[in-house]
Amino acid sequence: MPLEHDIDRILISADEIQQRIRDLAGSINDAYTDEDRPLLVCVLKGAFMFLADLTRHLEMRHEVDFMETSSYGARTESSGVVRILLDLERNIQGRHVLIVEDIVDSGRTLDYVTRNLETRDPASVRVCTLLNKPSRRVIDVALDFVGFEVPDEFVVGYGLDFNEEYRNLPFIGVLKEEIYVESPEGDAR
């Protein structure tokens, strides 16, 4: 059965995503110069598609590194405990850092990552997120570049997953509730 059958509705089309990424890249291009040479820190796994498309539109010299965190596991709700599973390879002291996130929900993961990176004495830390879900915010976090604001629904696609599936969908869709309620790994909201 194709993954699309598990989607209740498409929230943001593939074309809308690509247009917004071009707009975000324009704003980022205005914020940094070649001399800044920002380091884009992709928060894995969800942001990998967003980063790949975003970096193609950036005009300044920049580098890319990766962090992997965990706060969900195979659940639909954050556990509230954030762990770093993969840390940066590069030293960020004195560097301009741009955190690239797929979605900011409770704010716990981003707050943890931001505070962690700030202890490493970077020149600056900014945040670019494809999706912002302010209705779920538990910790207030600063967002410098935001793609879309989304409602309090469980979204998948374009890198976002449920139980490691649906990342390959080219759009952002709302997952049918029966998929994650019936799943032994999921928990009903």
N, C-alpha and C. Protein backbone atom coordinates (compact mmCIF):
# COMPACT_ATOMS: atom_id res chain seq x y z
N MET A 1 0.85 -1.18 0.00
CA MET A 1 0.00 0.00 0.00
C MET A 1 0.90 1.24 0.00
N PRO A 2 0.69 2.14 -0.92
CA PRO A 2 1.50 3.37 -0.96
C PRO A 2 1.34 4.20 0.31
N LEU A 3 2.41 4.86 0.70
CA LEU A 3 2.40 5.68 1.90
C LEU A 3 1.35 6.78 1.86
N GLU A 4 1.02 7.26 0.67
CA GLU A 4 0.05 8.35 0.54
C GLU A 4 -1.31 7.98 1.11
N HIS A 5 -1.62 6.68 1.16
CA HIS A 5 -2.92 6.25 1.70
C HIS A 5 -3.02 6.50 3.21
N ASP A 6 -1.88 6.70 3.86
CA ASP A 6 -1.87 6.95 5.30
C ASP A 6 -2.00 8.44 5.63
N ILE A 7 -2.06 9.26 4.60
CA ILE A 7 -2.12 10.71 4.78
C ILE A 7 -3.56 11.19 4.75
N ASP A 8 -3.95 11.91 5.79
CA ASP A 8 -5.30 12.47 5.87
C ASP A 8 -5.47 13.59 4.84
N ARG A 9 -4.47 14.48 4.78
CA ARG A 9 -4.50 15.55 3.79
C ARG A 9 -3.12 16.16 3.66
N ILE A 10 -2.88 16.76 2.51
CA ILE A 10 -1.62 17.46 2.27
C ILE A 10 -1.75 18.86 2.86
N LEU A 11 -0.83 19.19 3.73
CA LEU A 11 -0.83 20.49 4.40
C LEU A 11 -0.02 21.51 3.60
N ILE A 12 1.16 21.08 3.09
CA ILE A 12 2.03 21.96 2.32
C ILE A 12 2.54 21.16 1.12
N SER A 13 2.27 21.64 -0.08
CA SER A 13 2.66 20.90 -1.29
C SER A 13 4.16 20.98 -1.52
N ALA A 14 4.64 20.11 -2.37
CA ALA A 14 6.06 20.09 -2.74
C ALA A 14 6.47 21.42 -3.37
N ASP A 15 5.63 21.97 -4.22
CA ASP A 15 5.93 23.25 -4.87
C ASP A 15 5.99 24.39 -3.85
N GLU A 16 5.07 24.39 -2.89
CA GLU A 16 5.08 25.43 -1.85
C GLU A 16 6.35 25.34 -1.01
N ILE A 17 6.77 24.12 -0.70
CA ILE A 17 8.00 23.92 0.07
C ILE A 17 9.19 24.50 -0.68
N GLN A 18 9.31 24.16 -1.96
CA GLN A 18 10.47 24.62 -2.74
C GLN A 18 10.49 26.14 -2.89
N GLN A 19 9.34 26.75 -3.08
CA GLN A 19 9.28 28.21 -3.18
C GLN A 19 9.70 28.86 -1.87
N ARG A 20 9.21 28.33 -0.77
CA ARG A 20 9.54 28.91 0.54
C ARG A 20 11.02 28.73 0.85
N ILE A 21 11.60 27.62 0.44
CA ILE A 21 13.03 27.41 0.65
C ILE A 21 13.84 28.45 -0.11
N ARG A 22 13.44 28.76 -1.33
CA ARG A 22 14.13 29.82 -2.09
C ARG A 22 14.04 31.16 -1.36
N ASP A 23 12.86 31.45 -0.80
CA ASP A 23 12.68 32.69 -0.03
C ASP A 23 13.56 32.71 1.22
N LEU A 24 13.58 31.59 1.95
CA LEU A 24 14.42 31.50 3.15
C LEU A 24 15.89 31.68 2.79
N ALA A 25 16.32 31.04 1.71
CA ALA A 25 17.72 31.15 1.28
C ALA A 25 18.06 32.60 0.96
N GLY A 26 17.14 33.32 0.36
CA GLY A 26 17.36 34.74 0.08
C GLY A 26 17.59 35.53 1.36
N SER A 27 16.81 35.25 2.39
CA SER A 27 16.98 35.93 3.67
C SER A 27 18.31 35.55 4.33
N ILE A 28 18.68 34.29 4.22
CA ILE A 28 19.95 33.83 4.78
C ILE A 28 21.12 34.43 4.01
N ASN A 29 20.98 34.52 2.69
CA ASN A 29 22.02 35.16 1.87
C ASN A 29 22.23 36.61 2.29
N ASP A 30 21.15 37.29 2.68
CA ASP A 30 21.24 38.68 3.14
C ASP A 30 21.88 38.78 4.52
N ALA A 31 21.78 37.71 5.32
CA ALA A 31 22.25 37.75 6.71
C ALA A 31 23.74 37.41 6.86
N TYR A 32 24.30 36.70 5.89
CA TYR A 32 25.70 36.25 6.00
C TYR A 32 26.49 36.66 4.76
N THR A 33 27.81 36.74 4.93
CA THR A 33 28.71 37.03 3.82
C THR A 33 29.70 35.89 3.66
N ASP A 34 30.50 35.96 2.60
CA ASP A 34 31.57 34.98 2.42
C ASP A 34 32.52 34.98 3.62
N GLU A 35 32.77 36.18 4.16
CA GLU A 35 33.67 36.29 5.30
C GLU A 35 33.10 35.61 6.54
N ASP A 36 31.77 35.63 6.68
CA ASP A 36 31.14 34.95 7.81
C ASP A 36 31.33 33.44 7.73
N ARG A 37 31.30 32.92 6.51
CA ARG A 37 31.44 31.49 6.25
C ARG A 37 30.69 30.66 7.30
N PRO A 38 29.36 30.79 7.33
CA PRO A 38 28.59 30.10 8.38
C PRO A 38 28.70 28.58 8.29
N LEU A 39 28.55 27.97 9.45
CA LEU A 39 28.48 26.52 9.54
C LEU A 39 27.02 26.15 9.74
N LEU A 40 26.44 25.45 8.79
CA LEU A 40 25.06 24.98 8.90
C LEU A 40 25.07 23.67 9.65
N VAL A 41 24.37 23.63 10.76
CA VAL A 41 24.30 22.43 11.59
C VAL A 41 22.93 21.80 11.37
N CYS A 42 22.93 20.71 10.66
CA CYS A 42 21.69 19.98 10.35
C CYS A 42 21.36 19.05 11.52
N VAL A 43 20.15 19.19 12.05
CA VAL A 43 19.70 18.32 13.12
C VAL A 43 19.04 17.10 12.47
N LEU A 44 19.70 15.98 12.59
CA LEU A 44 19.24 14.74 11.97
C LEU A 44 18.15 14.07 12.80
N LYS A 45 17.33 13.29 12.20
CA LYS A 45 17.35 12.92 10.80
C LYS A 45 16.41 13.78 9.99
N GLY A 46 15.46 14.38 10.64
CA GLY A 46 14.37 15.06 9.94
C GLY A 46 14.74 16.19 9.02
N ALA A 47 15.83 16.91 9.29
CA ALA A 47 16.15 18.11 8.51
C ALA A 47 17.03 17.84 7.30
N PHE A 48 17.38 16.60 7.02
CA PHE A 48 18.34 16.34 5.94
C PHE A 48 17.83 16.77 4.56
N MET A 49 16.56 16.58 4.27
CA MET A 49 16.03 16.98 2.97
C MET A 49 15.99 18.51 2.86
N PHE A 50 15.55 19.14 3.93
CA PHE A 50 15.48 20.60 3.99
C PHE A 50 16.88 21.19 3.78
N LEU A 51 17.86 20.67 4.50
CA LEU A 51 19.23 21.17 4.35
C LEU A 51 19.72 21.01 2.92
N ALA A 52 19.49 19.85 2.33
CA ALA A 52 19.98 19.59 0.97
C ALA A 52 19.42 20.61 -0.02
N ASP A 53 18.14 20.90 0.08
CA ASP A 53 17.53 21.87 -0.84
C ASP A 53 17.94 23.30 -0.49
N LEU A 54 18.02 23.61 0.79
CA LEU A 54 18.39 24.96 1.23
C LEU A 54 19.80 25.32 0.78
N THR A 55 20.74 24.43 1.00
CA THR A 55 22.14 24.74 0.70
C THR A 55 22.37 24.98 -0.79
N ARG A 56 21.55 24.41 -1.64
CA ARG A 56 21.68 24.64 -3.09
C ARG A 56 21.38 26.08 -3.48
N HIS A 57 20.65 26.79 -2.62
CA HIS A 57 20.27 28.17 -2.92
C HIS A 57 21.11 29.20 -2.16
N LEU A 58 22.05 28.75 -1.37
CA LEU A 58 22.90 29.69 -0.62
C LEU A 58 24.05 30.13 -1.50
N GLU A 59 24.32 31.42 -1.48
CA GLU A 59 25.34 32.00 -2.36
C GLU A 59 26.67 32.24 -1.68
N MET A 60 26.67 32.31 -0.34
CA MET A 60 27.91 32.58 0.37
C MET A 60 28.65 31.26 0.64
N ARG A 61 29.95 31.37 0.88
CA ARG A 61 30.72 30.19 1.28
C ARG A 61 30.16 29.73 2.63
N HIS A 62 29.99 28.44 2.74
CA HIS A 62 29.50 27.88 4.00
C HIS A 62 29.93 26.43 4.11
N GLU A 63 29.83 25.90 5.29
CA GLU A 63 30.14 24.49 5.54
C GLU A 63 28.92 23.85 6.19
N VAL A 64 28.93 22.53 6.22
CA VAL A 64 27.82 21.77 6.77
C VAL A 64 28.36 20.75 7.77
N ASP A 65 27.65 20.59 8.86
CA ASP A 65 27.96 19.54 9.83
C ASP A 65 26.63 19.00 10.34
N PHE A 66 26.70 17.93 11.12
CA PHE A 66 25.47 17.24 11.54
C PHE A 66 25.48 16.93 13.03
N MET A 67 24.30 17.02 13.61
CA MET A 67 24.04 16.54 14.97
C MET A 67 22.81 15.66 14.89
N GLU A 68 22.82 14.61 15.68
CA GLU A 68 21.61 13.80 15.80
C GLU A 68 21.20 13.79 17.25
N THR A 69 19.93 14.09 17.46
CA THR A 69 19.38 14.10 18.81
C THR A 69 18.20 13.13 18.86
N SER A 70 17.80 12.80 20.06
CA SER A 70 16.64 11.94 20.23
C SER A 70 15.80 12.47 21.38
N SER A 71 14.52 12.62 21.12
CA SER A 71 13.58 12.93 22.20
C SER A 71 12.24 12.26 21.96
N TYR A 72 12.09 11.64 20.80
CA TYR A 72 10.81 11.00 20.46
C TYR A 72 10.88 9.47 20.50
N GLY A 73 11.96 8.90 19.97
CA GLY A 73 11.99 7.46 19.79
C GLY A 73 10.94 7.10 18.76
N ALA A 74 10.14 6.08 19.03
CA ALA A 74 9.08 5.66 18.10
C ALA A 74 7.73 6.15 18.59
N ARG A 75 7.71 7.34 19.16
CA ARG A 75 6.48 7.88 19.72
C ARG A 75 6.05 9.11 18.95
N THR A 76 4.82 9.55 19.19
CA THR A 76 4.31 10.76 18.55
C THR A 76 4.48 11.97 19.46
N GLU A 77 4.81 11.77 20.70
CA GLU A 77 5.01 12.86 21.66
C GLU A 77 6.43 12.81 22.17
N SER A 78 7.03 13.97 22.35
CA SER A 78 8.39 14.04 22.88
C SER A 78 8.42 13.48 24.29
N SER A 79 9.48 12.75 24.61
CA SER A 79 9.64 12.22 25.96
C SER A 79 10.04 13.32 26.93
N GLY A 80 10.55 14.44 26.39
CA GLY A 80 11.01 15.53 27.24
C GLY A 80 12.49 15.40 27.60
N VAL A 81 13.08 14.25 27.33
CA VAL A 81 14.50 14.03 27.59
C VAL A 81 15.23 14.06 26.26
N VAL A 82 16.17 14.99 26.12
CA VAL A 82 16.91 15.14 24.87
C VAL A 82 18.30 14.55 25.04
N ARG A 83 18.70 13.74 24.08
CA ARG A 83 20.04 13.15 24.10
C ARG A 83 20.73 13.45 22.78
N ILE A 84 22.03 13.69 22.81
CA ILE A 84 22.81 13.85 21.59
C ILE A 84 23.35 12.47 21.22
N LEU A 85 22.97 12.01 20.04
CA LEU A 85 23.41 10.71 19.55
C LEU A 85 24.64 10.84 18.65
N LEU A 86 24.75 11.99 17.95
CA LEU A 86 25.88 12.27 17.07
C LEU A 86 26.23 13.73 17.24
N ASP A 87 27.49 14.00 17.55
CA ASP A 87 27.91 15.38 17.78
C ASP A 87 28.67 15.90 16.57
N LEU A 88 28.91 17.20 16.56
CA LEU A 88 29.63 17.85 15.46
C LEU A 88 31.05 17.33 15.33
N GLU A 89 31.55 17.34 14.11
CA GLU A 89 32.95 17.01 13.86
C GLU A 89 33.83 18.24 13.97
N ARG A 90 33.27 19.42 13.70
CA ARG A 90 34.04 20.66 13.65
C ARG A 90 33.99 21.44 14.96
N ASN A 91 35.08 22.14 15.21
CA ASN A 91 35.15 23.07 16.32
C ASN A 91 34.41 24.33 15.89
N ILE A 92 33.48 24.82 16.69
CA ILE A 92 32.69 25.99 16.30
C ILE A 92 33.13 27.27 17.01
N GLN A 93 34.19 27.21 17.76
CA GLN A 93 34.65 28.42 18.46
C GLN A 93 34.91 29.52 17.45
N GLY A 94 34.28 30.69 17.68
CA GLY A 94 34.44 31.84 16.80
C GLY A 94 33.70 31.74 15.48
N ARG A 95 32.93 30.68 15.26
CA ARG A 95 32.20 30.48 14.00
C ARG A 95 30.78 30.99 14.11
N HIS A 96 30.22 31.40 12.97
CA HIS A 96 28.79 31.71 12.88
C HIS A 96 28.07 30.39 12.59
N VAL A 97 27.13 30.05 13.45
CA VAL A 97 26.43 28.76 13.36
C VAL A 97 24.97 29.02 13.01
N LEU A 98 24.47 28.27 12.04
CA LEU A 98 23.06 28.30 11.68
C LEU A 98 22.51 26.89 11.88
N ILE A 99 21.68 26.73 12.91
CA ILE A 99 21.04 25.44 13.16
C ILE A 99 19.91 25.28 12.16
N VAL A 100 19.87 24.14 11.47
CA VAL A 100 18.83 23.85 10.49
C VAL A 100 17.96 22.72 11.04
N GLU A 101 16.71 23.05 11.33
CA GLU A 101 15.76 22.11 11.94
C GLU A 101 14.62 21.81 10.98
N ASP A 102 14.01 20.64 11.14
CA ASP A 102 12.82 20.31 10.36
C ASP A 102 11.58 20.94 10.99
N ILE A 103 11.42 20.78 12.31
CA ILE A 103 10.23 21.30 12.99
C ILE A 103 10.60 21.68 14.42
N VAL A 104 10.05 22.80 14.86
CA VAL A 104 10.19 23.20 16.26
C VAL A 104 8.80 23.05 16.87
N ASP A 105 8.72 22.14 17.82
CA ASP A 105 7.46 21.75 18.43
C ASP A 105 7.45 22.25 19.88
N SER A 106 7.83 21.41 20.83
CA SER A 106 7.86 21.82 22.24
C SER A 106 8.95 22.85 22.51
N GLY A 107 10.01 22.82 21.71
CA GLY A 107 11.15 23.71 21.91
C GLY A 107 12.25 23.06 22.74
N ARG A 108 12.00 21.90 23.31
CA ARG A 108 12.97 21.24 24.18
C ARG A 108 14.26 20.88 23.44
N THR A 109 14.12 20.24 22.28
CA THR A 109 15.31 19.82 21.54
C THR A 109 16.11 21.03 21.10
N LEU A 110 15.45 22.00 20.51
CA LEU A 110 16.17 23.19 20.04
C LEU A 110 16.82 23.93 21.20
N ASP A 111 16.13 24.07 22.31
CA ASP A 111 16.71 24.73 23.48
C ASP A 111 17.97 24.00 23.93
N TYR A 112 17.90 22.68 24.00
CA TYR A 112 19.05 21.88 24.43
C TYR A 112 20.22 22.04 23.46
N VAL A 113 19.94 21.92 22.17
CA VAL A 113 20.99 22.03 21.16
C VAL A 113 21.60 23.43 21.18
N THR A 114 20.77 24.45 21.24
CA THR A 114 21.27 25.82 21.25
C THR A 114 22.15 26.09 22.47
N ARG A 115 21.68 25.70 23.63
CA ARG A 115 22.48 25.91 24.85
C ARG A 115 23.79 25.14 24.78
N ASN A 116 23.73 23.92 24.26
CA ASN A 116 24.94 23.11 24.12
C ASN A 116 25.95 23.79 23.20
N LEU A 117 25.48 24.28 22.06
CA LEU A 117 26.39 24.91 21.10
C LEU A 117 26.94 26.23 21.64
N GLU A 118 26.12 26.97 22.37
CA GLU A 118 26.58 28.25 22.91
C GLU A 118 27.71 28.08 23.92
N THR A 119 27.81 26.93 24.57
CA THR A 119 28.92 26.69 25.50
C THR A 119 30.25 26.52 24.77
N ARG A 120 30.19 26.37 23.46
CA ARG A 120 31.40 26.15 22.66
C ARG A 120 31.96 27.45 22.08
N ASP A 121 31.44 28.57 22.53
CA ASP A 121 31.94 29.90 22.18
C ASP A 121 31.90 30.23 20.69
N PRO A 122 30.74 30.04 20.04
CA PRO A 122 30.63 30.46 18.64
C PRO A 122 30.49 31.97 18.54
N ALA A 123 30.74 32.52 17.35
CA ALA A 123 30.53 33.96 17.12
C ALA A 123 29.05 34.30 17.20
N SER A 124 28.19 33.42 16.69
CA SER A 124 26.75 33.61 16.74
C SER A 124 26.06 32.27 16.53
N VAL A 125 24.83 32.19 17.00
CA VAL A 125 23.99 31.01 16.77
C VAL A 125 22.62 31.52 16.33
N ARG A 126 22.21 31.11 15.14
CA ARG A 126 20.87 31.43 14.63
C ARG A 126 20.17 30.13 14.30
N VAL A 127 18.86 30.23 14.08
CA VAL A 127 18.06 29.04 13.83
C VAL A 127 17.21 29.24 12.59
N CYS A 128 17.23 28.22 11.73
CA CYS A 128 16.35 28.16 10.56
C CYS A 128 15.54 26.87 10.68
N THR A 129 14.23 27.00 10.70
CA THR A 129 13.38 25.81 10.77
C THR A 129 12.38 25.82 9.61
N LEU A 130 12.14 24.66 9.05
CA LEU A 130 11.14 24.57 7.99
C LEU A 130 9.75 24.78 8.58
N LEU A 131 9.47 24.11 9.71
CA LEU A 131 8.14 24.17 10.31
C LEU A 131 8.21 24.67 11.75
N ASN A 132 7.23 25.46 12.11
CA ASN A 132 7.10 25.96 13.47
C ASN A 132 5.70 25.60 13.95
N LYS A 133 5.63 24.95 15.12
CA LYS A 133 4.34 24.57 15.71
C LYS A 133 4.23 25.24 17.09
N PRO A 134 3.93 26.54 17.10
CA PRO A 134 3.93 27.29 18.37
C PRO A 134 2.88 26.83 19.38
N SER A 135 1.82 26.19 18.92
CA SER A 135 0.77 25.75 19.85
C SER A 135 1.27 24.67 20.81
N ARG A 136 2.38 24.04 20.50
CA ARG A 136 2.92 22.97 21.34
C ARG A 136 4.11 23.43 22.18
N ARG A 137 4.47 24.70 22.09
CA ARG A 137 5.68 25.21 22.73
C ARG A 137 5.61 25.10 24.25
N VAL A 138 6.64 24.50 24.82
CA VAL A 138 6.82 24.38 26.26
C VAL A 138 7.95 25.30 26.72
N ILE A 139 8.98 25.42 25.87
CA ILE A 139 10.12 26.28 26.14
C ILE A 139 10.21 27.31 25.03
N ASP A 140 10.29 28.57 25.41
CA ASP A 140 10.39 29.65 24.43
C ASP A 140 11.77 29.62 23.79
N VAL A 141 11.81 29.56 22.48
CA VAL A 141 13.08 29.54 21.74
C VAL A 141 13.02 30.58 20.63
N ALA A 142 14.18 31.15 20.33
CA ALA A 142 14.26 32.17 19.28
C ALA A 142 14.42 31.49 17.92
N LEU A 143 13.61 31.91 16.96
CA LEU A 143 13.68 31.40 15.60
C LEU A 143 13.98 32.56 14.67
N ASP A 144 15.06 32.45 13.91
CA ASP A 144 15.48 33.54 13.03
C ASP A 144 14.88 33.44 11.63
N PHE A 145 14.73 32.22 11.13
CA PHE A 145 14.20 31.99 9.78
C PHE A 145 13.18 30.86 9.89
N VAL A 146 11.93 31.14 9.51
CA VAL A 146 10.85 30.15 9.64
C VAL A 146 10.18 29.96 8.29
N GLY A 147 10.04 28.69 7.90
CA GLY A 147 9.37 28.37 6.65
C GLY A 147 7.87 28.51 6.75
N PHE A 148 7.26 27.69 7.59
CA PHE A 148 5.80 27.64 7.71
C PHE A 148 5.40 27.44 9.16
N GLU A 149 4.29 28.02 9.54
CA GLU A 149 3.68 27.72 10.83
C GLU A 149 2.63 26.65 10.56
N VAL A 150 2.63 25.61 11.39
CA VAL A 150 1.69 24.50 11.20
C VAL A 150 0.81 24.32 12.43
N PRO A 151 -0.39 23.78 12.23
CA PRO A 151 -1.30 23.56 13.36
C PRO A 151 -0.85 22.36 14.19
N ASP A 152 -1.51 22.15 15.31
CA ASP A 152 -1.19 21.06 16.22
C ASP A 152 -1.76 19.75 15.68
N GLU A 153 -1.10 19.24 14.65
CA GLU A 153 -1.46 17.96 14.06
C GLU A 153 -0.17 17.21 13.80
N PHE A 154 -0.25 15.88 13.71
CA PHE A 154 0.95 15.09 13.51
C PHE A 154 1.30 15.08 12.02
N VAL A 155 2.40 15.77 11.67
CA VAL A 155 2.78 15.92 10.27
C VAL A 155 3.99 15.05 9.93
N VAL A 156 3.98 14.58 8.69
CA VAL A 156 5.07 13.76 8.17
C VAL A 156 5.37 14.19 6.74
N GLY A 157 6.47 13.68 6.22
CA GLY A 157 6.87 13.96 4.85
C GLY A 157 8.01 14.94 4.80
N TYR A 158 8.69 14.97 3.66
CA TYR A 158 9.81 15.86 3.43
C TYR A 158 10.82 15.80 4.58
N GLY A 159 11.15 14.58 4.97
CA GLY A 159 12.14 14.36 6.02
C GLY A 159 11.54 14.03 7.37
N LEU A 160 10.32 14.48 7.64
CA LEU A 160 9.68 14.19 8.92
C LEU A 160 9.07 12.79 8.88
N ASP A 161 9.17 12.08 10.00
CA ASP A 161 8.76 10.68 9.99
C ASP A 161 7.78 10.36 11.12
N PHE A 162 7.24 9.18 11.00
CA PHE A 162 6.63 8.48 12.12
C PHE A 162 7.21 7.08 12.08
N ASN A 163 7.89 6.69 13.15
CA ASN A 163 8.50 5.36 13.24
C ASN A 163 9.42 5.09 12.05
N GLU A 164 10.18 6.12 11.65
CA GLU A 164 11.17 6.06 10.55
C GLU A 164 10.55 5.91 9.16
N GLU A 165 9.26 6.08 9.02
CA GLU A 165 8.61 6.01 7.71
C GLU A 165 8.07 7.39 7.32
N TYR A 166 7.74 7.54 6.04
CA TYR A 166 7.12 8.73 5.46
C TYR A 166 8.10 9.86 5.14
N ARG A 167 9.39 9.72 5.48
CA ARG A 167 10.35 10.79 5.21
C ARG A 167 10.43 11.11 3.71
N ASN A 168 10.20 10.13 2.87
CA ASN A 168 10.39 10.27 1.43
C ASN A 168 9.24 10.97 0.71
N LEU A 169 8.16 11.28 1.41
CA LEU A 169 7.07 12.00 0.76
C LEU A 169 7.54 13.40 0.39
N PRO A 170 7.22 13.89 -0.81
CA PRO A 170 7.73 15.20 -1.25
C PRO A 170 6.96 16.39 -0.68
N PHE A 171 5.95 16.15 0.11
CA PHE A 171 5.10 17.18 0.69
C PHE A 171 5.03 16.99 2.20
N ILE A 172 4.41 17.95 2.89
CA ILE A 172 4.11 17.82 4.32
C ILE A 172 2.64 17.45 4.42
N GLY A 173 2.36 16.32 5.03
CA GLY A 173 0.99 15.86 5.17
C GLY A 173 0.64 15.55 6.61
N VAL A 174 -0.65 15.53 6.87
CA VAL A 174 -1.15 15.16 8.19
C VAL A 174 -1.39 13.66 8.19
N LEU A 175 -0.74 12.97 9.11
CA LEU A 175 -0.87 11.52 9.21
C LEU A 175 -2.23 11.16 9.79
N LYS A 176 -2.88 10.16 9.19
CA LYS A 176 -4.18 9.72 9.72
C LYS A 176 -3.99 9.24 11.15
N GLU A 177 -4.88 9.66 12.01
CA GLU A 177 -4.77 9.35 13.44
C GLU A 177 -4.72 7.85 13.70
N GLU A 178 -5.49 7.08 12.94
CA GLU A 178 -5.51 5.63 13.21
C GLU A 178 -4.15 4.97 12.97
N ILE A 179 -3.29 5.60 12.19
CA ILE A 179 -1.96 5.04 11.93
C ILE A 179 -1.12 5.07 13.20
N TYR A 180 -1.08 6.22 13.87
CA TYR A 180 -0.23 6.29 15.05
C TYR A 180 -0.93 5.86 16.32
N VAL A 181 -2.26 5.85 16.36
CA VAL A 181 -2.98 5.35 17.52
C VAL A 181 -2.91 3.83 17.57
N GLU A 182 -3.01 3.18 16.40
CA GLU A 182 -2.98 1.72 16.34
C GLU A 182 -1.58 1.15 16.43
N SER A 183 -0.58 1.98 16.19
CA SER A 183 0.80 1.51 16.20
C SER A 183 1.22 1.13 17.62
N PRO A 184 1.88 -0.03 17.79
CA PRO A 184 2.35 -0.40 19.11
C PRO A 184 3.44 0.55 19.63
N GLU A 185 4.14 1.25 18.72
CA GLU A 185 5.19 2.17 19.13
C GLU A 185 4.63 3.55 19.44
N GLY A 186 3.46 3.86 18.93
CA GLY A 186 2.89 5.20 19.11
C GLY A 186 2.12 5.31 20.41
N ASP A 187 1.82 6.52 20.76
CA ASP A 187 0.95 6.71 21.91
C ASP A 187 -0.13 7.70 21.52
N ALA A 188 -1.33 7.43 21.90
CA ALA A 188 -2.45 8.29 21.53
C ALA A 188 -2.31 9.64 22.21
N ARG A 189 -2.63 10.69 21.47
CA ARG A 189 -2.57 12.03 22.07
C ARG A 189 -3.91 12.38 22.66
